[in-house]
N, C-alpha and C. Protein backbone atom coordinates (compact mmCIF):
# COMPACT_ATOMS: atom_id res chain seq x y z
N MET A 1 133.44 128.90 123.41
CA MET A 1 133.82 127.50 122.87
C MET A 1 133.07 126.24 122.45
N LYS A 2 133.16 125.65 121.59
CA LYS A 2 132.43 124.99 121.09
C LYS A 2 132.47 123.57 121.87
N THR A 3 131.33 122.98 122.53
CA THR A 3 131.15 121.92 123.21
C THR A 3 132.30 120.72 122.69
N GLU A 4 132.03 120.35 121.42
CA GLU A 4 133.20 119.16 121.25
C GLU A 4 134.44 119.65 121.70
N CYS A 5 134.88 120.74 121.79
CA CYS A 5 136.29 121.33 121.93
C CYS A 5 136.42 121.69 123.34
N ILE A 6 135.67 121.32 124.19
CA ILE A 6 136.07 121.82 125.44
C ILE A 6 137.27 121.16 126.45
N GLY A 7 137.19 119.97 126.14
CA GLY A 7 138.54 118.96 126.32
C GLY A 7 139.42 118.86 125.69
N ASP A 8 140.53 118.18 126.08
CA ASP A 8 141.34 117.78 124.97
C ASP A 8 141.11 116.37 124.52
N PHE A 9 140.32 116.02 124.96
CA PHE A 9 139.57 114.19 124.17
C PHE A 9 138.26 114.06 124.75
N VAL A 10 137.57 113.23 124.53
CA VAL A 10 136.17 112.76 125.34
C VAL A 10 136.12 111.11 125.32
N LYS A 11 135.65 110.94 126.09
CA LYS A 11 136.16 109.32 126.35
C LYS A 11 134.43 108.68 126.83
N LEU A 12 134.23 107.29 126.38
CA LEU A 12 133.32 106.60 126.39
C LEU A 12 133.40 105.53 126.62
N GLU A 13 132.66 105.00 127.50
CA GLU A 13 133.00 103.47 127.94
C GLU A 13 134.53 103.09 127.83
N GLY A 14 134.98 103.52 128.32
CA GLY A 14 136.85 103.25 128.17
C GLY A 14 137.25 103.22 127.14
N LYS A 15 136.77 103.74 126.19
CA LYS A 15 137.65 104.50 124.90
C LYS A 15 137.39 105.89 124.77
N THR A 16 138.95 106.51 124.34
CA THR A 16 139.28 107.66 123.72
C THR A 16 139.09 108.66 122.63
N TYR A 17 138.45 109.37 122.77
CA TYR A 17 138.09 110.07 121.34
C TYR A 17 138.72 111.46 121.18
N PRO A 18 139.34 111.62 120.08
CA PRO A 18 139.61 113.41 119.88
C PRO A 18 138.94 114.24 120.18
N CYS A 19 137.52 113.95 119.35
CA CYS A 19 136.18 114.44 119.91
C CYS A 19 135.24 114.25 119.61
N THR A 20 133.71 115.32 119.81
CA THR A 20 132.67 114.41 119.87
C THR A 20 132.44 113.51 118.32
N VAL A 21 132.83 114.05 117.14
CA VAL A 21 132.74 114.25 116.26
C VAL A 21 133.46 112.51 115.57
N SER A 22 134.29 112.18 116.47
CA SER A 22 134.96 110.85 116.35
C SER A 22 134.46 110.03 116.71
N LEU A 23 133.97 110.35 118.01
CA LEU A 23 133.08 109.22 118.91
C LEU A 23 131.63 108.86 117.86
N THR A 24 131.16 110.10 117.69
CA THR A 24 130.16 109.52 116.77
C THR A 24 130.19 108.86 115.37
N MET A 25 131.15 109.31 114.68
CA MET A 25 131.22 108.31 113.72
C MET A 25 131.88 107.23 114.02
N ASP A 26 132.52 107.09 115.03
CA ASP A 26 132.92 105.40 115.26
C ASP A 26 132.04 104.61 115.81
N LEU A 27 130.19 105.16 116.36
CA LEU A 27 129.18 104.50 116.38
C LEU A 27 128.44 104.21 115.59
N VAL A 28 128.57 105.21 114.45
CA VAL A 28 127.28 104.99 113.18
C VAL A 28 128.27 105.12 111.76
N GLY A 29 129.46 105.35 111.73
CA GLY A 29 130.12 105.55 110.57
C GLY A 29 130.01 104.14 110.07
N GLY A 30 130.96 104.25 109.24
CA GLY A 30 131.12 103.10 107.95
C GLY A 30 129.75 102.73 107.28
N LYS A 31 130.37 101.73 106.21
CA LYS A 31 129.27 101.81 105.00
C LYS A 31 127.76 100.87 105.48
N TRP A 32 127.81 100.14 106.60
CA TRP A 32 126.83 99.45 107.30
C TRP A 32 126.08 100.26 108.20
N LYS A 33 126.47 100.66 109.21
CA LYS A 33 126.03 100.41 110.39
C LYS A 33 124.57 101.88 110.30
N ALA A 34 124.80 103.05 109.60
CA ALA A 34 123.78 103.98 109.54
C ALA A 34 122.93 103.21 108.62
N VAL A 35 123.04 102.38 107.69
CA VAL A 35 122.14 101.90 106.66
C VAL A 35 121.30 100.78 107.80
N ILE A 36 121.76 99.71 108.47
CA ILE A 36 121.15 99.05 109.35
C ILE A 36 120.04 99.89 110.29
N LEU A 37 120.85 101.00 110.72
CA LEU A 37 119.77 101.90 111.71
C LEU A 37 118.36 102.21 111.31
N TYR A 38 118.88 102.79 109.60
CA TYR A 38 117.64 103.33 108.77
C TYR A 38 116.58 102.30 108.59
N HIS A 39 117.29 101.22 108.80
CA HIS A 39 116.12 99.95 108.41
C HIS A 39 115.26 99.46 109.59
N LEU A 40 115.94 99.59 110.81
CA LEU A 40 115.23 99.79 111.76
C LEU A 40 114.63 100.63 112.87
N LYS A 41 114.58 101.61 111.75
CA LYS A 41 114.10 103.14 112.80
C LYS A 41 112.66 103.28 112.61
N ASP A 42 111.86 102.71 112.03
CA ASP A 42 110.10 102.40 111.67
C ASP A 42 110.09 101.26 112.71
N GLU A 43 110.70 100.15 112.99
CA GLU A 43 110.03 98.84 113.50
C GLU A 43 111.19 98.00 113.58
N PRO A 44 111.28 96.86 114.70
CA PRO A 44 111.85 95.98 115.08
C PRO A 44 112.09 95.01 113.89
N LYS A 45 112.96 94.09 113.60
CA LYS A 45 113.09 93.33 112.34
C LYS A 45 113.81 92.05 112.74
N ARG A 46 113.46 91.04 111.98
CA ARG A 46 114.55 90.04 112.36
C ARG A 46 115.85 90.03 111.43
N TYR A 47 116.59 89.10 111.56
CA TYR A 47 117.87 89.08 110.88
C TYR A 47 117.40 89.01 109.22
N SER A 48 116.65 87.91 108.89
CA SER A 48 116.36 87.70 107.68
C SER A 48 115.66 88.80 106.85
N GLU A 49 115.17 89.72 107.83
CA GLU A 49 114.39 90.90 106.95
C GLU A 49 115.08 92.32 106.38
N LEU A 50 115.96 92.23 107.56
CA LEU A 50 117.44 92.81 107.50
C LEU A 50 117.81 92.30 106.09
N ARG A 51 118.35 91.26 106.00
CA ARG A 51 119.03 91.07 104.78
C ARG A 51 118.31 90.70 103.20
N LYS A 52 117.13 90.53 103.44
CA LYS A 52 116.04 91.29 102.28
C LYS A 52 116.27 92.59 101.73
N GLU A 53 115.99 93.27 102.49
CA GLU A 53 116.02 95.05 102.85
C GLU A 53 117.42 95.44 102.14
N MET A 54 118.75 94.54 102.47
CA MET A 54 119.95 94.80 101.97
C MET A 54 120.76 93.95 101.39
N PRO A 55 119.97 93.81 100.08
CA PRO A 55 120.71 92.19 99.44
C PRO A 55 122.12 92.43 99.26
N SER A 56 122.77 93.61 99.31
CA SER A 56 124.03 93.46 98.86
C SER A 56 125.12 93.66 100.04
N VAL A 57 124.71 93.75 101.22
CA VAL A 57 125.35 93.18 102.45
C VAL A 57 125.96 91.62 102.70
N THR A 58 126.95 91.13 102.85
CA THR A 58 127.31 89.96 103.02
C THR A 58 126.53 89.64 104.59
N GLU A 59 126.07 88.40 104.62
CA GLU A 59 125.80 87.85 105.76
C GLU A 59 126.76 88.10 106.91
N MET A 60 128.22 87.60 107.02
CA MET A 60 129.29 88.14 107.61
C MET A 60 128.91 89.62 108.24
N THR A 61 129.57 90.19 107.12
CA THR A 61 129.46 91.94 107.83
C THR A 61 128.08 92.11 108.41
N LEU A 62 127.14 91.86 108.13
CA LEU A 62 125.41 92.08 108.66
C LEU A 62 125.86 91.34 109.72
N SER A 63 126.21 90.57 110.01
CA SER A 63 126.11 89.94 111.29
C SER A 63 127.09 90.72 112.31
N LEU A 64 128.13 90.78 111.75
CA LEU A 64 129.30 91.88 112.67
C LEU A 64 128.79 93.14 112.78
N GLN A 65 128.42 94.05 112.25
CA GLN A 65 127.76 95.01 112.36
C GLN A 65 126.56 95.24 112.93
N LEU A 66 125.75 94.06 113.17
CA LEU A 66 124.75 94.22 114.25
C LEU A 66 125.16 93.77 115.68
N LYS A 67 126.28 93.10 115.63
CA LYS A 67 127.24 92.59 116.89
C LYS A 67 127.57 94.55 117.49
N LYS A 68 128.38 95.02 116.44
CA LYS A 68 128.63 96.06 117.08
C LYS A 68 127.80 97.13 117.63
N LEU A 69 126.48 97.56 116.45
CA LEU A 69 125.84 98.33 117.22
C LEU A 69 124.98 97.85 118.39
N GLU A 70 125.11 96.50 118.85
CA GLU A 70 124.59 96.04 120.02
C GLU A 70 125.47 96.69 121.19
N LYS A 71 126.83 95.95 120.83
CA LYS A 71 127.64 96.36 122.05
C LYS A 71 127.78 97.89 122.36
N ASP A 72 127.58 98.75 121.02
CA ASP A 72 127.56 100.17 121.47
C ASP A 72 126.08 100.39 122.23
N GLY A 73 125.35 99.78 122.45
CA GLY A 73 124.14 100.35 122.73
C GLY A 73 122.91 101.03 121.86
N LEU A 74 123.40 101.11 120.49
CA LEU A 74 122.33 101.67 119.41
C LEU A 74 121.34 100.67 119.28
N ILE A 75 121.25 99.69 119.22
CA ILE A 75 120.37 98.51 119.19
C ILE A 75 120.53 97.41 120.15
N SER A 76 118.97 96.69 120.09
CA SER A 76 118.92 95.25 121.09
C SER A 76 118.66 94.40 120.38
N ARG A 77 118.75 93.08 121.00
CA ARG A 77 118.68 91.80 120.27
C ARG A 77 118.05 91.20 120.96
N LYS A 78 116.78 90.63 120.78
CA LYS A 78 116.02 89.97 121.89
C LYS A 78 115.66 88.70 121.37
N VAL A 79 116.03 87.41 122.10
CA VAL A 79 115.70 86.38 121.37
C VAL A 79 114.68 85.33 122.13
N TYR A 80 114.03 84.95 120.92
CA TYR A 80 112.45 84.22 121.57
C TYR A 80 112.82 82.28 121.27
N GLY A 81 112.31 81.85 122.38
CA GLY A 81 112.42 80.26 122.49
C GLY A 81 114.18 79.89 122.46
N ARG A 82 113.94 78.73 123.15
CA ARG A 82 115.18 78.16 123.22
C ARG A 82 116.00 76.98 122.50
N LYS A 83 115.31 76.63 121.71
CA LYS A 83 115.54 75.57 120.91
C LYS A 83 115.65 75.96 119.32
N PRO A 84 116.25 75.43 118.44
CA PRO A 84 115.92 75.91 116.98
C PRO A 84 115.05 75.48 116.46
N PRO A 85 113.79 75.80 115.45
CA PRO A 85 114.91 77.35 115.03
C PRO A 85 113.87 78.35 115.99
N ILE A 86 114.96 79.42 116.63
CA ILE A 86 114.48 80.56 117.53
C ILE A 86 114.60 81.72 116.55
N LYS A 87 113.86 82.59 117.49
CA LYS A 87 113.58 83.70 116.61
C LYS A 87 114.28 84.96 117.39
N VAL A 88 114.95 85.76 116.57
CA VAL A 88 115.80 86.98 116.91
C VAL A 88 115.34 88.14 116.37
N ILE A 89 115.08 88.84 117.34
CA ILE A 89 114.43 90.46 116.32
C ILE A 89 115.43 91.32 116.85
N TYR A 90 115.74 92.25 116.21
CA TYR A 90 116.48 93.50 116.46
C TYR A 90 115.93 94.61 116.49
N SER A 91 115.58 95.72 117.49
CA SER A 91 115.36 96.93 117.46
C SER A 91 116.29 98.17 117.89
N LEU A 92 115.45 99.18 117.68
CA LEU A 92 116.84 100.66 118.35
C LEU A 92 116.26 100.48 119.90
N THR A 93 117.59 100.96 120.58
CA THR A 93 117.34 101.02 121.75
C THR A 93 116.86 102.73 122.15
N ASP A 94 116.68 103.39 123.20
CA ASP A 94 116.60 105.04 123.14
C ASP A 94 117.56 105.61 122.61
N LEU A 95 118.93 105.06 122.80
CA LEU A 95 120.38 105.93 122.12
C LEU A 95 120.20 105.82 120.18
N GLY A 96 119.76 104.67 119.99
CA GLY A 96 119.16 104.36 118.64
C GLY A 96 118.36 105.29 118.02
N LYS A 97 117.23 105.33 119.01
CA LYS A 97 116.22 106.23 118.69
C LYS A 97 116.51 107.58 118.35
N SER A 98 117.67 108.21 119.37
CA SER A 98 117.85 109.53 119.37
C SER A 98 118.86 109.86 117.92
N PHE A 99 119.37 108.94 117.31
CA PHE A 99 119.85 109.01 116.32
C PHE A 99 118.87 109.17 114.59
N VAL A 100 117.71 108.70 115.27
CA VAL A 100 116.63 109.03 113.87
C VAL A 100 116.32 110.29 113.00
N PRO A 101 116.38 111.12 113.80
CA PRO A 101 116.78 112.31 113.24
C PRO A 101 117.56 113.30 112.74
N ILE A 102 118.86 112.33 112.85
CA ILE A 102 119.99 112.48 112.17
C ILE A 102 119.66 111.82 110.73
N LEU A 103 119.24 110.50 110.94
CA LEU A 103 119.45 109.38 109.83
C LEU A 103 118.46 110.21 108.76
N GLU A 104 117.36 110.39 109.48
CA GLU A 104 116.40 111.49 108.27
C GLU A 104 117.19 112.43 107.64
N ALA A 105 117.85 113.15 108.48
CA ALA A 105 118.51 114.80 107.70
C ALA A 105 119.44 114.02 106.56
N ILE A 106 120.01 112.97 107.12
CA ILE A 106 121.19 112.01 106.29
C ILE A 106 120.67 111.55 104.90
N THR A 107 119.10 111.23 104.91
CA THR A 107 118.35 110.70 103.68
C THR A 107 118.07 112.03 102.84
N GLU A 108 117.68 112.99 103.60
CA GLU A 108 117.11 114.10 102.82
C GLU A 108 118.40 114.63 102.10
N TRP A 109 119.70 114.70 102.67
CA TRP A 109 120.55 115.07 102.07
C TRP A 109 121.05 114.19 100.79
N GLY A 110 120.91 113.03 101.14
CA GLY A 110 121.32 112.18 99.72
C GLY A 110 120.26 112.24 98.82
N ASN A 111 119.13 112.33 98.98
CA ASN A 111 117.95 112.44 97.93
C ASN A 111 118.39 113.85 97.19
N GLN A 112 118.35 114.62 98.09
CA GLN A 112 118.64 115.95 97.33
C GLN A 112 120.09 116.23 96.08
N VAL A 113 121.06 115.27 96.87
CA VAL A 113 122.45 115.39 95.93
C VAL A 113 122.04 114.41 94.78
N ILE A 114 121.23 113.08 95.04
CA ILE A 114 121.06 112.58 93.76
C ILE A 114 119.97 113.20 93.00
N SER A 115 118.84 113.82 93.00
CA SER A 115 118.32 114.49 92.42
C SER A 115 119.15 115.59 91.55
N GLU A 116 119.95 116.46 92.29
CA GLU A 116 120.69 117.03 91.54
C GLU A 116 121.45 116.86 90.48
N LYS A 117 122.38 115.86 90.80
CA LYS A 117 123.84 115.77 90.43
C LYS A 117 123.80 113.94 89.69
N GLY A 118 122.85 113.21 90.32
CA GLY A 118 123.06 111.75 89.71
C GLY A 118 121.27 111.04 89.54
N GLU A 119 121.14 109.97 89.80
CA GLU A 119 120.19 109.46 89.09
C GLU A 119 119.54 108.14 89.97
N PHE A 120 118.27 108.15 90.00
CA PHE A 120 117.71 107.08 90.97
C PHE A 120 117.62 105.51 89.68
N VAL A 121 117.96 104.57 90.35
CA VAL A 121 118.13 103.46 89.04
C VAL A 121 117.10 102.45 89.76
N ASN A 122 116.48 101.94 88.70
CA ASN A 122 115.36 100.71 89.20
C ASN A 122 115.93 99.59 89.38
N SER A 123 116.12 98.79 90.35
CA SER A 123 116.95 97.67 91.10
C SER A 123 116.40 96.44 90.18
N LYS A 124 115.34 96.43 89.38
CA LYS A 124 115.28 95.53 88.03
C LYS A 124 115.63 95.66 86.71
N LEU A 125 116.33 96.76 86.88
CA LEU A 125 117.29 96.77 85.50
C LEU A 125 118.85 96.24 85.77
N SER A 126 119.94 95.70 85.09
CA SER A 126 121.28 95.27 84.78
C SER A 126 121.90 96.76 85.18
N VAL A 127 122.44 96.77 86.23
CA VAL A 127 123.32 97.51 86.32
C VAL A 127 124.93 97.53 86.73
N ASP A 128 125.70 97.92 85.81
CA ASP A 128 127.04 97.65 86.38
C ASP A 128 127.70 98.46 87.81
N VAL A 129 127.87 97.28 88.71
CA VAL A 129 128.24 97.44 89.71
C VAL A 129 129.92 97.31 89.83
N SER A 130 130.40 97.30 88.98
CA SER A 130 132.26 97.06 89.07
C SER A 130 132.67 98.14 89.38
N PHE A 131 132.05 99.40 89.59
CA PHE A 131 132.70 100.75 90.12
C PHE A 131 132.53 100.54 91.99
N LEU A 132 131.86 99.68 92.18
CA LEU A 132 131.55 99.34 93.71
C LEU A 132 132.76 98.58 94.61
N PRO A 133 133.26 99.43 95.88
CA PRO A 133 134.23 98.72 96.66
C PRO A 133 134.41 97.09 96.93
N GLU A 134 135.32 96.65 96.83
CA GLU A 134 134.86 95.07 97.34
C GLU A 134 134.59 95.20 98.67
N ARG A 135 133.78 94.35 99.09
CA ARG A 135 133.07 94.10 100.40
C ARG A 135 133.95 93.13 101.61
């Protein structure tokens, strides 16, 4: 029997899921969570650095996703200083670091799909983004 099917459901920190895949997607799924983790995989970063690396994410969305990732234990937020301007650094926790091999596999798979069926686009070119879903 598959591990994810041993019980009728799985439970983590008071939340119930139908299986481990559902739990995983709750923790890292969505448009931005895995992208944020990807940008933190090599080194801790400040909020402003993350914004520069992900210019299409809104400030509100980035802030909310960082809070969710912190709440779920995938990233940590360390505040330096007591009065403005304070310095806030985000980094992967051990749980977040354990997801890095999966992030690398996702990246490799995405690169393969684009190489075979799509194209890499230079960001300095004018690109029609009207097909993208609203944020």
